[in-house]
Structures are given as C-alpha cells and as structure tokens.
C-alpha cells in the first residue's frame, strides 16, 4: 500500500506541474508536428522532445532508485485499437 501511495504521489508531483505548463503554453502535439512539416518552426516539436526526454530519464531514475515500480502488462490488440480510436476521436473533437 505504501508503494502505491508513493507512486501516486510522485505521479501527481510531476504530472500536475507538467500539465499546468502544457496547458498554459497552449501546447498541442499535433500542431507541433505540423509546424515542423509546414512552417519550418520547430519550437513546439523541440518542447515535446524535451518533455519526452525528461520523463524517460526521471522514470528510469526513480525505478533504479527503487522508488517506483513500473509494471508492464500485456497489451492486447483490442486495447490498441480502442486506444487508437479514443485518441483519434479526442483529436477530432479538439480540432487537432
């Protein structure tokens, strides 16, 4: 139970500030990729890559320190299809 609370607490500690920064900055992954391809502006794309690199390092450091246990469940094909559809519908609703 303690490990689960610690994991949830660390997730909130990292996730809330990151979410606030992303929301305040108006960051959209889809438009960031489009800007690179169409307008030769890469600032949003570089911000995305920086956030990705930061989370990769942080999660691996926390797991290596024993503060985080990352279970890797089996992914079924149905979960991938449903997740892709949910993402696509969300992007369409957000006009991304």
PDB file of N, CA and C in Angstrom:
ATOM      1  N   UNK A   1       0.826  -1.194   0.000  1.00  0.00           N
ATOM      2  CA  UNK A   1       0.000   0.000   0.000  1.00  0.00           C
ATOM      3  C   UNK A   1       0.872   1.260   0.000  1.00  0.00           C
ATOM      4  N   UNK A   2       1.956   1.216   0.788  1.00  0.00           N
ATOM      5  CA  UNK A   2       2.842   2.377   0.870  1.00  0.00           C
ATOM      6  C   UNK A   2       3.470   2.670  -0.489  1.00  0.00           C
ATOM      7  N   UNK A   3       3.874   1.618  -1.199  1.00  0.00           N
ATOM      8  CA  UNK A   3       4.491   1.790  -2.511  1.00  0.00           C
ATOM      9  C   UNK A   3       3.511   2.406  -3.507  1.00  0.00           C
ATOM     10  N   UNK A   4       2.250   1.980  -3.437  1.00  0.00           N
ATOM     11  CA  UNK A   4       1.247   2.511  -4.351  1.00  0.00           C
ATOM     12  C   UNK A   4       0.988   3.990  -4.064  1.00  0.00           C
ATOM     13  N   UNK A   5       0.936   4.365  -2.790  1.00  0.00           N
ATOM     14  CA  UNK A   5       0.730   5.771  -2.431  1.00  0.00           C
ATOM     15  C   UNK A   5       1.925   6.626  -2.851  1.00  0.00           C
ATOM     16  N   UNK A   6       3.115   6.085  -2.687  1.00  0.00           N
ATOM     17  CA  UNK A   6       4.316   6.812  -3.093  1.00  0.00           C
ATOM     18  C   UNK A   6       4.328   7.017  -4.606  1.00  0.00           C
ATOM     19  N   UNK A   7       3.966   5.965  -5.343  1.00  0.00           N
ATOM     20  CA  UNK A   7       3.906   6.066  -6.800  1.00  0.00           C
ATOM     21  C   UNK A   7       2.875   7.100  -7.232  1.00  0.00           C
ATOM     22  N   UNK A   8       1.701   7.064  -6.617  1.00  0.00           N
ATOM     23  CA  UNK A   8       0.651   8.033  -6.954  1.00  0.00           C
ATOM     24  C   UNK A   8       1.094   9.451  -6.592  1.00  0.00           C
ATOM     25  N   UNK A   9       1.729   9.602  -5.441  1.00  0.00           N
ATOM     26  CA  UNK A   9       2.207  10.917  -5.025  1.00  0.00           C
ATOM     27  C   UNK A   9       3.262  11.475  -5.964  1.00  0.00           C
ATOM     28  N   UNK A  10       4.212  10.630  -6.366  1.00  0.00           N
ATOM     29  CA  UNK A  10       5.235  11.076  -7.312  1.00  0.00           C
ATOM     30  C   UNK A  10       4.622  11.420  -8.662  1.00  0.00           C
ATOM     31  N   UNK A  11       3.634  10.636  -9.077  1.00  0.00           N
ATOM     32  CA  UNK A  11       2.953  10.924 -10.338  1.00  0.00           C
ATOM     33  C   UNK A  11       2.266  12.269 -10.312  1.00  0.00           C
ATOM     34  N   UNK A  12       1.597  12.561  -9.205  1.00  0.00           N
ATOM     35  CA  UNK A  12       0.930  13.859  -9.069  1.00  0.00           C
ATOM     36  C   UNK A  12       1.944  14.994  -8.955  1.00  0.00           C
ATOM     37  N   UNK A  13       3.029  14.746  -8.234  1.00  0.00           N
ATOM     38  CA  UNK A  13       4.057  15.763  -8.047  1.00  0.00           C
ATOM     39  C   UNK A  13       4.691  16.175  -9.377  1.00  0.00           C
ATOM     40  N   UNK A  14       4.850  15.233 -10.273  1.00  0.00           N
ATOM     41  CA  UNK A  14       5.426  15.529 -11.585  1.00  0.00           C
ATOM     42  C   UNK A  14       4.344  15.910 -12.588  1.00  0.00           C
ATOM     43  N   UNK A  15       3.219  15.209 -12.558  1.00  0.00           N
ATOM     44  CA  UNK A  15       2.176  15.385 -13.565  1.00  0.00           C
ATOM     45  C   UNK A  15       1.440  16.703 -13.494  1.00  0.00           C
ATOM     46  N   UNK A  16       1.139  17.168 -12.298  1.00  0.00           N
ATOM     47  CA  UNK A  16       0.374  18.417 -12.172  1.00  0.00           C
ATOM     48  C   UNK A  16       1.167  19.620 -12.689  1.00  0.00           C
ATOM     49  N   UNK A  17       2.415  19.815 -12.254  1.00  0.00           N
ATOM     50  CA  UNK A  17       3.155  20.956 -12.816  1.00  0.00           C
ATOM     51  C   UNK A  17       3.360  20.849 -14.329  1.00  0.00           C
ATOM     52  N   UNK A  18       3.631  19.644 -14.820  1.00  0.00           N
ATOM     53  CA  UNK A  18       3.803  19.475 -16.259  1.00  0.00           C
ATOM     54  C   UNK A  18       2.506  19.787 -16.995  1.00  0.00           C
ATOM     55  N   UNK A  19       1.383  19.337 -16.472  1.00  0.00           N
ATOM     56  CA  UNK A  19       0.090  19.634 -17.083  1.00  0.00           C
ATOM     57  C   UNK A  19      -0.219  21.117 -17.095  1.00  0.00           C
ATOM     58  N   UNK A  20       0.115  21.806 -16.006  1.00  0.00           N
ATOM     59  CA  UNK A  20      -0.122  23.251 -15.933  1.00  0.00           C
ATOM     60  C   UNK A  20       0.725  23.982 -16.975  1.00  0.00           C
ATOM     61  N   UNK A  21       1.989  23.597 -17.083  1.00  0.00           N
ATOM     62  CA  UNK A  21       2.872  24.239 -18.059  1.00  0.00           C
ATOM     63  C   UNK A  21       2.378  23.986 -19.477  1.00  0.00           C
ATOM     64  N   UNK A  22       1.969  22.759 -19.764  1.00  0.00           N
ATOM     65  CA  UNK A  22       1.476  22.428 -21.105  1.00  0.00           C
ATOM     66  C   UNK A  22       0.196  23.193 -21.409  1.00  0.00           C
ATOM     67  N   UNK A  23      -0.714  23.258 -20.445  1.00  0.00           N
ATOM     68  CA  UNK A  23      -1.986  23.956 -20.663  1.00  0.00           C
ATOM     69  C   UNK A  23      -1.764  25.453 -20.820  1.00  0.00           C
ATOM     70  N   UNK A  24      -0.941  26.051 -19.966  1.00  0.00           N
ATOM     71  CA  UNK A  24      -0.685  27.498 -20.036  1.00  0.00           C
ATOM     72  C   UNK A  24       0.037  27.882 -21.324  1.00  0.00           C
ATOM     73  N   UNK A  25       0.903  26.991 -21.791  1.00  0.00           N
ATOM     74  CA  UNK A  25       1.647  27.276 -23.010  1.00  0.00           C
ATOM     75  C   UNK A  25       0.866  26.984 -24.278  1.00  0.00           C
ATOM     76  N   UNK A  26      -0.319  26.413 -24.144  1.00  0.00           N
ATOM     77  CA  UNK A  26      -1.132  26.094 -25.313  1.00  0.00           C
ATOM     78  C   UNK A  26      -0.482  25.038 -26.195  1.00  0.00           C
ATOM     79  N   UNK A  27       0.240  24.121 -25.579  1.00  0.00           N
ATOM     80  CA  UNK A  27       0.968  23.114 -26.338  1.00  0.00           C
ATOM     81  C   UNK A  27       0.021  22.058 -26.886  1.00  0.00           C
ATOM     82  N   UNK A  28       0.189  21.741 -28.142  1.00  0.00           N
ATOM     83  CA  UNK A  28      -0.582  20.682 -28.788  1.00  0.00           C
ATOM     84  C   UNK A  28       0.394  19.851 -29.614  1.00  0.00           C
ATOM     85  N   UNK A  29       0.456  18.564 -29.331  1.00  0.00           N
ATOM     86  CA  UNK A  29       1.395  17.694 -30.018  1.00  0.00           C
ATOM     87  C   UNK A  29       1.157  17.691 -31.526  1.00  0.00           C
ATOM     88  N   UNK A  30      -0.094  17.640 -31.929  1.00  0.00           N
ATOM     89  CA  UNK A  30      -0.423  17.595 -33.354  1.00  0.00           C
ATOM     90  C   UNK A  30       0.048  18.861 -34.074  1.00  0.00           C
ATOM     91  N   UNK A  31      -0.249  20.022 -33.506  1.00  0.00           N
ATOM     92  CA  UNK A  31       0.173  21.262 -34.168  1.00  0.00           C
ATOM     93  C   UNK A  31       1.690  21.421 -34.128  1.00  0.00           C
ATOM     94  N   UNK A  32       2.328  20.888 -33.094  1.00  0.00           N
ATOM     95  CA  UNK A  32       3.787  20.931 -33.034  1.00  0.00           C
ATOM     96  C   UNK A  32       4.425  20.164 -34.178  1.00  0.00           C
ATOM     97  N   UNK A  33       3.881  18.986 -34.481  1.00  0.00           N
ATOM     98  CA  UNK A  33       4.392  18.212 -35.612  1.00  0.00           C
ATOM     99  C   UNK A  33       4.087  18.911 -36.935  1.00  0.00           C
ATOM    100  N   UNK A  34       2.896  19.486 -37.050  1.00  0.00           N
ATOM    101  CA  UNK A  34       2.519  20.168 -38.290  1.00  0.00           C
ATOM    102  C   UNK A  34       3.391  21.395 -38.536  1.00  0.00           C
ATOM    103  N   UNK A  35       3.743  22.118 -37.471  1.00  0.00           N
ATOM    104  CA  UNK A  35       4.588  23.306 -37.630  1.00  0.00           C
ATOM    105  C   UNK A  35       5.954  22.940 -38.193  1.00  0.00           C
ATOM    106  N   UNK A  36       6.484  21.803 -37.777  1.00  0.00           N
ATOM    107  CA  UNK A  36       7.782  21.370 -38.291  1.00  0.00           C
ATOM    108  C   UNK A  36       7.685  21.070 -39.779  1.00  0.00           C
ATOM    109  N   UNK A  37       6.613  20.395 -40.184  1.00  0.00           N
ATOM    110  CA  UNK A  37       6.479  19.987 -41.584  1.00  0.00           C
ATOM    111  C   UNK A  37       6.082  21.126 -42.510  1.00  0.00           C
ATOM    112  N   UNK A  38       5.226  22.025 -42.050  1.00  0.00           N
ATOM    113  CA  UNK A  38       4.670  23.047 -42.939  1.00  0.00           C
ATOM    114  C   UNK A  38       5.321  24.416 -42.800  1.00  0.00           C
ATOM    115  N   UNK A  39       5.672  24.803 -41.611  1.00  0.00           N
ATOM    116  CA  UNK A  39       6.133  26.176 -41.397  1.00  0.00           C
ATOM    117  C   UNK A  39       7.606  26.267 -41.008  1.00  0.00           C
ATOM    118  N   UNK A  40       8.294  25.146 -40.964  1.00  0.00           N
ATOM    119  CA  UNK A  40       9.708  25.120 -40.575  1.00  0.00           C
ATOM    120  C   UNK A  40       9.958  25.773 -39.217  1.00  0.00           C
ATOM    121  N   UNK A  41       8.968  25.663 -38.332  1.00  0.00           N
ATOM    122  CA  UNK A  41       9.151  26.131 -36.954  1.00  0.00           C
ATOM    123  C   UNK A  41       9.195  24.900 -36.067  1.00  0.00           C
ATOM    124  N   UNK A  42      10.249  24.774 -35.306  1.00  0.00           N
ATOM    125  CA  UNK A  42      10.422  23.544 -34.543  1.00  0.00           C
ATOM    126  C   UNK A  42      10.357  23.740 -33.036  1.00  0.00           C
ATOM    127  N   UNK A  43       9.964  24.905 -32.546  1.00  0.00           N
ATOM    128  CA  UNK A  43       9.991  25.145 -31.103  1.00  0.00           C
ATOM    129  C   UNK A  43       9.027  24.227 -30.355  1.00  0.00           C
ATOM    130  N   UNK A  44       7.812  24.025 -30.867  1.00  0.00           N
ATOM    131  CA  UNK A  44       6.863  23.133 -30.200  1.00  0.00           C
ATOM    132  C   UNK A  44       7.343  21.694 -30.246  1.00  0.00           C
ATOM    133  N   UNK A  45       7.907  21.299 -31.376  1.00  0.00           N
ATOM    134  CA  UNK A  45       8.406  19.937 -31.512  1.00  0.00           C
ATOM    135  C   UNK A  45       9.576  19.700 -30.566  1.00  0.00           C
ATOM    136  N   UNK A  46      10.461  20.686 -30.447  1.00  0.00           N
ATOM    137  CA  UNK A  46      11.588  20.556 -29.526  1.00  0.00           C
ATOM    138  C   UNK A  46      11.114  20.507 -28.076  1.00  0.00           C
ATOM    139  N   UNK A  47      10.061  21.257 -27.750  1.00  0.00           N
ATOM    140  CA  UNK A  47       9.492  21.195 -26.401  1.00  0.00           C
ATOM    141  C   UNK A  47       8.935  19.801 -26.127  1.00  0.00           C
ATOM    142  N   UNK A  48       8.290  19.206 -27.129  1.00  0.00           N
ATOM    143  CA  UNK A  48       7.769  17.849 -26.994  1.00  0.00           C
ATOM    144  C   UNK A  48       8.914  16.863 -26.759  1.00  0.00           C
ATOM    145  N   UNK A  49       9.978  16.969 -27.540  1.00  0.00           N
ATOM    146  CA  UNK A  49      11.117  16.068 -27.374  1.00  0.00           C
ATOM    147  C   UNK A  49      11.786  16.257 -26.016  1.00  0.00           C
ATOM    148  N   UNK A  50      11.867  17.498 -25.544  1.00  0.00           N
ATOM    149  CA  UNK A  50      12.452  17.768 -24.234  1.00  0.00           C
ATOM    150  C   UNK A  50      11.614  17.144 -23.122  1.00  0.00           C
ATOM    151  N   UNK A  51      10.289  17.284 -23.209  1.00  0.00           N
ATOM    152  CA  UNK A  51       9.407  16.679 -22.211  1.00  0.00           C
ATOM    153  C   UNK A  51       9.522  15.161 -22.236  1.00  0.00           C
ATOM    154  N   UNK A  52       9.615  14.582 -23.419  1.00  0.00           N
ATOM    155  CA  UNK A  52       9.757  13.135 -23.552  1.00  0.00           C
ATOM    156  C   UNK A  52      11.074  12.662 -22.941  1.00  0.00           C
ATOM    157  N   UNK A  53      12.160  13.366 -23.245  1.00  0.00           N
ATOM    158  CA  UNK A  53      13.464  13.002 -22.694  1.00  0.00           C
ATOM    159  C   UNK A  53      13.478  13.140 -21.174  1.00  0.00           C
ATOM    160  N   UNK A  54      12.858  14.203 -20.659  1.00  0.00           N
ATOM    161  CA  UNK A  54      12.798  14.430 -19.215  1.00  0.00           C
ATOM    162  C   UNK A  54      12.070  13.291 -18.516  1.00  0.00           C
ATOM    163  N   UNK A  55      10.913  12.881 -19.060  1.00  0.00           N
ATOM    164  CA  UNK A  55      10.163  11.821 -18.396  1.00  0.00           C
ATOM    165  C   UNK A  55      10.881  10.485 -18.508  1.00  0.00           C
ATOM    166  N   UNK A  56      11.577  10.246 -19.620  1.00  0.00           N
ATOM    167  CA  UNK A  56      12.327   8.998 -19.752  1.00  0.00           C
ATOM    168  C   UNK A  56      13.413   8.901 -18.687  1.00  0.00           C
ATOM    169  N   UNK A  57      14.157   9.974 -18.511  1.00  0.00           N
ATOM    170  CA  UNK A  57      15.227   9.993 -17.516  1.00  0.00           C
ATOM    171  C   UNK A  57      14.652   9.895 -16.106  1.00  0.00           C
ATOM    172  N   UNK A  58      13.603  10.668 -15.814  1.00  0.00           N
ATOM    173  CA  UNK A  58      13.027  10.694 -14.473  1.00  0.00           C
ATOM    174  C   UNK A  58      12.435   9.344 -14.083  1.00  0.00           C
ATOM    175  N   UNK A  59      11.660   8.739 -14.959  1.00  0.00           N
ATOM    176  CA  UNK A  59      11.042   7.449 -14.637  1.00  0.00           C
ATOM    177  C   UNK A  59      12.110   6.383 -14.420  1.00  0.00           C
ATOM    178  N   UNK A  60      13.116   6.349 -15.274  1.00  0.00           N
ATOM    179  CA  UNK A  60      14.174   5.352 -15.107  1.00  0.00           C
ATOM    180  C   UNK A  60      14.998   5.597 -13.849  1.00  0.00           C
ATOM    181  N   UNK A  61      15.233   6.854 -13.501  1.00  0.00           N
ATOM    182  CA  UNK A  61      15.966   7.166 -12.271  1.00  0.00           C
ATOM    183  C   UNK A  61      15.165   6.746 -11.044  1.00  0.00           C
ATOM    184  N   UNK A  62      13.866   7.041 -11.040  1.00  0.00           N
ATOM    185  CA  UNK A  62      13.024   6.645  -9.910  1.00  0.00           C
ATOM    186  C   UNK A  62      12.919   5.129  -9.804  1.00  0.00           C
ATOM    187  N   UNK A  63      12.829   4.451 -10.931  1.00  0.00           N
ATOM    188  CA  UNK A  63      12.759   2.989 -10.907  1.00  0.00           C
ATOM    189  C   UNK A  63      14.093   2.402 -10.437  1.00  0.00           C
ATOM    190  N   UNK A  64      15.189   2.965 -10.903  1.00  0.00           N
ATOM    191  CA  UNK A  64      16.503   2.494 -10.487  1.00  0.00           C
ATOM    192  C   UNK A  64      16.762   2.709  -9.007  1.00  0.00           C
ATOM    193  N   UNK A  65      16.203   3.783  -8.443  1.00  0.00           N
ATOM    194  CA  UNK A  65      16.363   4.068  -7.018  1.00  0.00           C
ATOM    195  C   UNK A  65      15.419   3.236  -6.159  1.00  0.00           C
ATOM    196  N   UNK A  66      14.532   2.483  -6.799  1.00  0.00           N
ATOM    197  CA  UNK A  66      13.589   1.659  -6.052  1.00  0.00           C
ATOM    198  C   UNK A  66      12.377   2.412  -5.549  1.00  0.00           C
ATOM    199  N   UNK A  67      12.195   3.652  -5.982  1.00  0.00           N
ATOM    200  CA  UNK A  67      11.049   4.446  -5.544  1.00  0.00           C
ATOM    201  C   UNK A  67       9.816   4.226  -6.403  1.00  0.00           C
ATOM    202  N   UNK A  68       9.996   3.609  -7.548  1.00  0.00           N
ATOM    203  CA  UNK A  68       8.899   3.433  -8.481  1.00  0.00           C
ATOM    204  C   UNK A  68       8.957   2.032  -9.064  1.00  0.00           C
ATOM    205  N   UNK A  69       7.826   1.366  -9.066  1.00  0.00           N
ATOM    206  CA  UNK A  69       7.723   0.050  -9.689  1.00  0.00           C
ATOM    207  C   UNK A  69       6.836   0.210 -10.912  1.00  0.00           C
ATOM    208  N   UNK A  70       7.384  -0.097 -12.070  1.00  0.00           N
ATOM    209  CA  UNK A  70       6.648   0.081 -13.317  1.00  0.00           C
ATOM    210  C   UNK A  70       6.250  -1.297 -13.847  1.00  0.00           C
ATOM    211  N   UNK A  71       5.004  -1.693 -13.600  1.00  0.00           N
ATOM    212  CA  UNK A  71       4.567  -2.981 -14.148  1.00  0.00           C
ATOM    213  C   UNK A  71       4.338  -2.853 -15.653  1.00  0.00           C
ATOM    214  N   UNK A  72       4.652  -3.892 -16.372  1.00  0.00           N
ATOM    215  CA  UNK A  72       4.465  -3.884 -17.824  1.00  0.00           C
ATOM    216  C   UNK A  72       3.420  -4.944 -18.158  1.00  0.00           C
ATOM    217  N   UNK A  73       2.152  -4.527 -18.245  1.00  0.00           N
ATOM    218  CA  UNK A  73       1.101  -5.505 -18.547  1.00  0.00           C
ATOM    219  C   UNK A  73       1.119  -5.892 -20.023  1.00  0.00           C
ATOM    220  N   UNK A  74       0.545  -7.044 -20.292  1.00  0.00           N
ATOM    221  CA  UNK A  74       0.423  -7.476 -21.686  1.00  0.00           C
ATOM    222  C   UNK A  74      -0.590  -6.573 -22.391  1.00  0.00           C
ATOM    223  N   UNK A  75      -0.274  -6.164 -23.598  1.00  0.00           N
ATOM    224  CA  UNK A  75      -1.162  -5.300 -24.370  1.00  0.00           C
ATOM    225  C   UNK A  75      -1.858  -6.142 -25.423  1.00  0.00           C
ATOM    226  N   UNK A  76      -3.160  -6.162 -25.367  1.00  0.00           N
ATOM    227  CA  UNK A  76      -3.907  -6.926 -26.360  1.00  0.00           C
ATOM    228  C   UNK A  76      -4.167  -6.061 -27.584  1.00  0.00           C
ATOM    229  N   UNK A  77      -4.429  -6.688 -28.690  1.00  0.00           N
ATOM    230  CA  UNK A  77      -4.707  -5.954 -29.922  1.00  0.00           C
ATOM    231  C   UNK A  77      -5.964  -5.111 -29.774  1.00  0.00           C
ATOM    232  N   UNK A  78      -6.939  -5.604 -29.010  1.00  0.00           N
ATOM    233  CA  UNK A  78      -8.178  -4.853 -28.824  1.00  0.00           C
ATOM    234  C   UNK A  78      -7.916  -3.552 -28.060  1.00  0.00           C
ATOM    235  N   UNK A  79      -7.052  -3.618 -27.052  1.00  0.00           N
ATOM    236  CA  UNK A  79      -6.720  -2.409 -26.294  1.00  0.00           C
ATOM    237  C   UNK A  79      -6.043  -1.378 -27.191  1.00  0.00           C
ATOM    238  N   UNK A  80      -5.178  -1.832 -28.092  1.00  0.00           N
ATOM    239  CA  UNK A  80      -4.506  -0.911 -29.010  1.00  0.00           C
ATOM    240  C   UNK A  80      -5.503  -0.260 -29.966  1.00  0.00           C
ATOM    241  N   UNK A  81      -6.450  -1.038 -30.478  1.00  0.00           N
ATOM    242  CA  UNK A  81      -7.451  -0.499 -31.404  1.00  0.00           C
ATOM    243  C   UNK A  81      -8.353   0.500 -30.690  1.00  0.00           C
ATOM    244  N   UNK A  82      -8.851   0.125 -29.515  1.00  0.00           N
ATOM    245  CA  UNK A  82      -9.745   1.018 -28.764  1.00  0.00           C
ATOM    246  C   UNK A  82      -9.004   2.293 -28.359  1.00  0.00           C
ATOM    247  N   UNK A  83      -7.774   2.168 -27.894  1.00  0.00           N
ATOM    248  CA  UNK A  83      -6.989   3.344 -27.524  1.00  0.00           C
ATOM    249  C   UNK A  83      -6.730   4.259 -28.703  1.00  0.00           C
ATOM    250  N   UNK A  84      -6.425   3.690 -29.855  1.00  0.00           N
ATOM    251  CA  UNK A  84      -6.217   4.493 -31.059  1.00  0.00           C
ATOM    252  C   UNK A  84      -7.471   5.228 -31.483  1.00  0.00           C
ATOM    253  N   UNK A  85      -8.611   4.539 -31.397  1.00  0.00           N
ATOM    254  CA  UNK A  85      -9.880   5.187 -31.740  1.00  0.00           C
ATOM    255  C   UNK A  85     -10.205   6.318 -30.767  1.00  0.00           C
ATOM    256  N   UNK A  86      -9.982   6.077 -29.472  1.00  0.00           N
ATOM    257  CA  UNK A  86     -10.245   7.125 -28.476  1.00  0.00           C
ATOM    258  C   UNK A  86      -9.350   8.339 -28.723  1.00  0.00           C
ATOM    259  N   UNK A  87      -8.086   8.095 -29.033  1.00  0.00           N
ATOM    260  CA  UNK A  87      -7.167   9.194 -29.309  1.00  0.00           C
ATOM    261  C   UNK A  87      -7.607   9.966 -30.546  1.00  0.00           C
ATOM    262  N   UNK A  88      -7.973   9.251 -31.594  1.00  0.00           N
ATOM    263  CA  UNK A  88      -8.410   9.903 -32.831  1.00  0.00           C
ATOM    264  C   UNK A  88      -9.660  10.738 -32.647  1.00  0.00           C
ATOM    265  N   UNK A  89     -10.627  10.205 -31.912  1.00  0.00           N
ATOM    266  CA  UNK A  89     -11.861  10.953 -31.647  1.00  0.00           C
ATOM    267  C   UNK A  89     -11.550  12.195 -30.813  1.00  0.00           C
ATOM    268  N   UNK A  90     -10.690  12.040 -29.810  1.00  0.00           N
ATOM    269  CA  UNK A  90     -10.309  13.188 -28.984  1.00  0.00           C
ATOM    270  C   UNK A  90      -9.610  14.267 -29.789  1.00  0.00           C
ATOM    271  N   UNK A  91      -8.735  13.860 -30.698  1.00  0.00           N
ATOM    272  CA  UNK A  91      -8.050  14.842 -31.549  1.00  0.00           C
ATOM    273  C   UNK A  91      -9.041  15.555 -32.459  1.00  0.00           C
ATOM    274  N   UNK A  92     -10.012  14.818 -32.989  1.00  0.00           N
ATOM    275  CA  UNK A  92     -11.014  15.437 -33.863  1.00  0.00           C
ATOM    276  C   UNK A  92     -11.882  16.413 -33.079  1.00  0.00           C
ATOM    277  N   UNK A  93     -12.277  16.032 -31.879  1.00  0.00           N
ATOM    278  CA  UNK A  93     -13.098  16.925 -31.046  1.00  0.00           C
ATOM    279  C   UNK A  93     -12.324  18.181 -30.654  1.00  0.00           C
ATOM    280  N   UNK A  94     -11.024  18.026 -30.433  1.00  0.00           N
ATOM    281  CA  UNK A  94     -10.199  19.172 -30.046  1.00  0.00           C
ATOM    282  C   UNK A  94      -9.753  19.985 -31.258  1.00  0.00           C
ATOM    283  N   UNK A  95     -10.190  19.574 -32.427  1.00  0.00           N
ATOM    284  CA  UNK A  95      -9.822  20.225 -33.685  1.00  0.00           C
ATOM    285  C   UNK A  95      -8.314  20.240 -33.900  1.00  0.00           C
ATOM    286  N   UNK A  96      -7.671  19.122 -33.508  1.00  0.00           N
ATOM    287  CA  UNK A  96      -6.229  18.998 -33.675  1.00  0.00           C
ATOM    288  C   UNK A  96      -5.932  18.508 -34.985  1.00  0.00           C
TER     289      UNK A  96
END
